[in-house]
Protein backbone atom coordinates (compact mmCIF):
# COMPACT_ATOMS: atom_id res chain seq x y z
CA MET A 1 0.00 0.00 0.00
CA ARG A 2 2.89 2.35 0.58
CA ARG A 3 3.52 2.33 -3.18
CA TYR A 4 0.13 3.96 -3.69
CA LEU A 5 0.35 6.50 -0.88
CA PHE A 6 2.43 9.23 -2.54
CA PRO A 7 0.65 9.06 -5.98
CA VAL A 8 -2.75 9.18 -4.23
CA ILE A 9 -1.75 12.17 -2.09
CA LEU A 10 -0.26 13.93 -5.10
CA GLY A 11 -3.28 13.14 -7.27
CA VAL A 12 -5.91 14.19 -4.74
CA SER A 13 -4.01 17.37 -3.83
CA GLY A 14 -3.64 18.35 -7.47
CA VAL A 15 -7.32 17.76 -8.24
CA VAL A 16 -8.39 19.73 -5.15
CA VAL A 17 -6.19 22.69 -6.06
CA LEU A 18 -7.28 22.73 -9.72
CA MET A 19 -10.96 22.36 -8.83
CA SER A 20 -10.61 25.18 -6.28
CA LEU A 21 -9.20 27.43 -9.00
CA GLY A 22 -12.12 26.52 -11.25
CA PHE A 23 -14.69 27.39 -8.59
CA TRP A 24 -12.81 30.61 -7.84
CA GLN A 25 -13.16 31.58 -11.49
CA LEU A 26 -16.89 30.85 -11.30
CA ASP A 27 -17.13 33.22 -8.33
CA ARG A 28 -15.21 35.83 -10.32
CA ALA A 29 -17.59 35.32 -13.26
CA GLU A 30 -20.55 36.11 -11.01
CA GLU A 31 -18.78 39.20 -9.65
CA LYS A 32 -18.03 40.35 -13.21
CA ARG A 33 -21.68 39.80 -14.22
CA VAL A 34 -22.85 42.03 -11.35
CA TYR A 35 -20.21 44.63 -12.27
CA LEU A 36 -21.27 44.66 -15.94
CA ASP A 37 -24.93 44.95 -14.95
CA GLU A 38 -24.06 47.99 -12.81
CA ILE A 39 -22.20 49.56 -15.73
CA GLU A 40 -25.14 48.96 -18.09
CA ILE A 41 -27.42 50.69 -15.59
CA ARG A 42 -25.06 53.69 -15.30
CA ILE A 43 -24.81 53.97 -19.07
CA ALA A 44 -28.58 53.82 -19.52
CA ASN A 45 -29.43 56.17 -16.63
CA ALA A 46 -30.89 59.59 -17.34
CA PRO A 47 -27.96 62.01 -17.66
CA ILE A 48 -27.07 64.21 -14.68
CA PRO A 49 -25.15 67.52 -14.59
CA LEU A 50 -21.38 67.11 -14.60
CA PRO A 51 -20.15 66.55 -11.01
CA ALA A 52 -17.94 69.27 -9.57
CA VAL A 53 -15.16 66.74 -8.98
CA PRO A 54 -15.65 63.64 -11.15
CA GLU A 55 -14.07 60.54 -9.64
CA GLU A 56 -13.44 57.27 -11.46
CA GLY A 57 -14.80 55.02 -8.72
CA PRO A 58 -18.33 56.41 -8.29
CA HIS A 59 -18.67 58.15 -11.67
CA LYS A 60 -17.11 55.88 -14.31
CA PHE A 61 -19.64 55.42 -17.17
CA GLN A 62 -22.07 57.80 -15.46
CA ALA A 63 -24.35 59.46 -18.00
CA VAL A 64 -23.94 63.25 -17.91
CA THR A 65 -24.94 66.32 -19.86
CA VAL A 66 -23.02 69.58 -20.30
CA GLU A 67 -23.46 72.81 -22.23
CA GLY A 68 -20.60 74.98 -23.40
CA GLN A 69 -18.32 75.45 -26.38
CA PHE A 70 -15.96 73.26 -28.38
CA THR A 71 -12.75 75.28 -28.54
CA GLY A 72 -11.29 73.97 -31.79
CA GLU A 73 -8.36 72.47 -29.87
CA TYR A 74 -8.38 68.73 -30.41
CA LEU A 75 -6.31 65.57 -30.52
CA GLU A 76 -6.66 62.66 -32.91
CA VAL A 77 -6.25 59.02 -31.88
CA LEU A 78 -5.72 56.26 -34.42
CA ALA A 79 -8.98 54.28 -34.65
CA GLY A 80 -11.10 52.11 -36.87
CA GLN A 81 -14.78 51.36 -37.39
CA LYS A 82 -16.45 48.34 -38.99
CA GLY A 83 -17.57 49.15 -42.50
CA ALA A 84 -15.48 52.33 -42.67
CA SER A 85 -12.06 53.24 -43.97
CA PRO A 86 -9.26 53.84 -41.43
CA GLY A 87 -9.58 57.04 -39.49
CA VAL A 88 -9.19 58.76 -36.15
CA MET A 89 -11.03 59.36 -32.91
CA VAL A 90 -11.45 63.07 -32.18
CA ILE A 91 -10.99 64.27 -28.59
CA GLU A 92 -11.60 68.00 -28.21
CA ALA A 93 -11.35 70.56 -25.43
CA PHE A 94 -14.73 71.80 -24.22
CA ALA A 95 -15.17 75.04 -22.27
CA LEU A 96 -17.98 75.27 -19.72
CA PRO A 97 -19.71 78.57 -18.82
CA ASP A 98 -18.09 78.55 -15.36
CA GLY A 99 -14.60 78.51 -16.87
CA ARG A 100 -13.89 74.81 -16.46
CA ARG A 101 -12.26 73.05 -19.39
CA ILE A 102 -12.84 69.34 -19.93
CA MET A 103 -12.41 66.91 -22.83
CA VAL A 104 -15.09 65.39 -25.05
CA GLN A 105 -14.51 62.31 -27.17
CA ARG A 106 -16.62 63.42 -30.09
CA GLY A 107 -16.27 60.25 -32.14
CA PHE A 108 -14.85 58.83 -35.37
CA VAL A 109 -13.75 60.55 -38.57
CA GLU A 110 -12.58 58.70 -41.66
CA GLU A 111 -9.13 59.51 -43.00
CA GLU A 112 -10.52 61.47 -45.97
CA ALA A 113 -12.41 63.84 -43.65
CA ARG A 114 -9.58 64.58 -41.21
CA ARG A 115 -8.75 67.90 -42.86
CA VAL A 116 -12.32 69.23 -42.78
CA PRO A 117 -12.30 72.41 -40.62
CA ARG A 118 -13.82 72.06 -37.16
CA PRO A 119 -14.26 75.64 -35.90
CA PRO A 120 -15.25 76.46 -32.31
CA HIS A 121 -18.98 76.31 -31.68
CA GLU A 122 -21.46 76.10 -28.85
CA ALA A 123 -22.99 72.72 -28.13
CA LYS A 124 -24.90 70.60 -25.68
CA VAL A 125 -23.20 67.26 -25.10
CA GLU A 126 -24.71 64.10 -23.71
CA GLY A 127 -22.40 61.22 -22.96
CA ASN A 128 -20.68 59.14 -20.32
CA LEU A 129 -17.73 59.87 -18.06
CA HIS A 130 -14.83 57.56 -18.81
CA TRP A 131 -11.24 57.02 -17.72
CA PRO A 132 -9.77 54.85 -20.48
CA ASP A 133 -6.10 53.96 -20.53
CA ASP A 134 -5.41 52.11 -23.75
CA SER A 135 -1.66 52.60 -23.64
CA SER A 136 0.85 49.94 -22.68
CA SER A 137 4.62 49.61 -22.57
CA SER A 138 4.59 48.85 -26.31
CA THR A 139 2.45 51.86 -27.30
CA PRO A 140 4.52 54.45 -29.19
CA PRO A 141 4.35 58.09 -28.11
CA PRO A 142 2.29 60.55 -30.16
CA ASP A 143 3.76 61.23 -33.58
CA GLN A 144 5.64 64.54 -33.38
CA LYS A 145 5.06 65.36 -37.07
CA THR A 146 1.38 64.54 -37.46
CA GLY A 147 0.26 64.88 -33.83
CA LEU A 148 -1.46 61.49 -34.10
CA TRP A 149 -1.92 59.56 -30.85
CA PHE A 150 -1.93 55.77 -30.77
CA ALA A 151 -3.87 55.28 -27.53
CA ARG A 152 -6.01 57.27 -25.11
CA ASP A 153 -4.26 58.51 -21.98
CA VAL A 154 -6.53 60.90 -20.11
CA PRO A 155 -3.93 62.66 -17.90
CA ALA A 156 -1.47 63.11 -20.78
CA MET A 157 -4.17 64.38 -23.13
CA ALA A 158 -5.50 66.76 -20.51
CA ALA A 159 -2.01 68.17 -20.04
CA ARG A 160 -1.65 68.64 -23.81
CA LEU A 161 -5.03 70.39 -24.17
CA GLY A 162 -4.86 72.33 -20.89
CA THR A 163 -8.03 70.79 -19.42
CA GLU A 164 -9.14 68.83 -16.38
CA SER A 165 -8.50 65.09 -16.48
CA THR A 166 -12.19 64.67 -17.23
CA LEU A 167 -13.37 62.92 -20.39
CA ILE A 168 -16.94 62.62 -21.61
CA VAL A 169 -17.56 60.11 -24.38
CA ALA A 170 -20.34 61.60 -26.50
CA SER A 171 -23.32 59.31 -27.02
CA ALA A 172 -24.98 61.50 -29.68
CA PRO A 173 -23.65 63.45 -32.69
CA THR A 174 -21.88 66.71 -31.90
CA GLY A 175 -21.73 68.04 -35.47
CA ASP A 176 -18.99 68.42 -38.10
CA GLY A 177 -19.78 64.98 -39.54
CA ILE A 178 -18.18 63.19 -36.59
CA ALA A 179 -19.80 59.82 -35.83
CA PRO A 180 -20.17 59.20 -32.08
CA MET A 181 -18.55 56.12 -30.52
CA PRO A 182 -20.70 55.59 -27.38
CA VAL A 183 -19.32 53.58 -24.49
CA ASP A 184 -20.59 50.04 -23.90
CA THR A 185 -19.47 46.91 -22.08
CA SER A 186 -18.36 44.98 -25.17
CA GLY A 187 -14.73 45.98 -24.66
CA ILE A 188 -14.58 44.83 -21.02
CA PRO A 189 -12.97 41.36 -20.83
CA ASP A 190 -15.18 38.65 -19.34
CA ASN A 191 -13.23 35.42 -19.71
CA HIS A 192 -13.86 33.84 -16.33
CA TRP A 193 -16.15 31.08 -17.63
CA GLY A 194 -13.48 30.06 -20.13
CA TYR A 195 -10.80 30.04 -17.44
CA ALA A 196 -13.06 27.96 -15.16
CA ILE A 197 -13.55 25.34 -17.88
CA GLN A 198 -9.78 25.20 -18.41
CA TRP A 199 -9.14 24.57 -14.70
CA PHE A 200 -11.82 21.86 -14.55
CA LEU A 201 -10.38 20.16 -17.65
CA LEU A 202 -6.93 20.27 -16.07
CA ALA A 203 -8.39 18.72 -12.90
CA ALA A 204 -9.96 15.93 -14.96
CA THR A 205 -6.67 15.38 -16.80
CA TRP A 206 -4.76 15.29 -13.51
CA ALA A 207 -7.22 12.74 -12.11
CA GLY A 208 -6.90 10.63 -15.24
CA MET A 209 -3.10 10.71 -15.09
CA THR A 210 -3.24 9.73 -11.40
CA LEU A 211 -5.46 6.74 -12.16
CA PHE A 212 -3.16 5.73 -15.00
CA LEU A 213 -0.13 5.94 -12.68
CA LEU A 214 -1.89 3.80 -10.06
CA TRP A 215 -2.73 1.26 -12.73
CA ARG A 216 0.91 1.15 -13.86
CA ILE A 217 2.07 0.65 -10.27
CA ARG A 218 -0.43 -2.17 -9.84
CA THR A 219 0.60 -3.94 -13.04
CA ARG A 220 4.28 -3.71 -12.11
CA LYS A 221 3.54 -5.21 -8.73
CA VAL A 222 1.73 -8.07 -10.33
């Protein structure tokens, strides 16, 4: 029996650990579902006035409305849309009547329309507060010649435009032929079910290998 002791302990321990990781992923999947439901509710809520001090925790994806003026100062981020030619995402400075300056992600413009003038104009904007950070260690810095950005970085863009680190993603057209790119939950990873299945399959494989090892030990003994 001592021959079987170590393989059994190793096999049972491995299965327990792998199954625990699978159930942990199921718990995470439920937490992510609740989180995504909360986001959907915030996105769909009736818009509120812009908070005096927007904070990512309580206000991310909150629907808001503001009135003021697009200043004509904008940044372009490399982007693409299904069914459209390559283009850019336009993020423009927006001046509020009380003197605050924020940023508005107005939406997508195809490459051919990038040079169309976008003069300052008054507007009412409805959208959602967002704090995206698409950049990574491999993201190149903005192109010095063209001014094109390759990812959204709210603090860096705010510093460039001289605004608060507050970004509203417009949910409706803001003029100048710019197509809005409203926020949604499709870009938020939700892979926990897949990870859970992987852990359970590994547990089953580990159990199978343990049984095979025990069989080999038995046949050698015989």
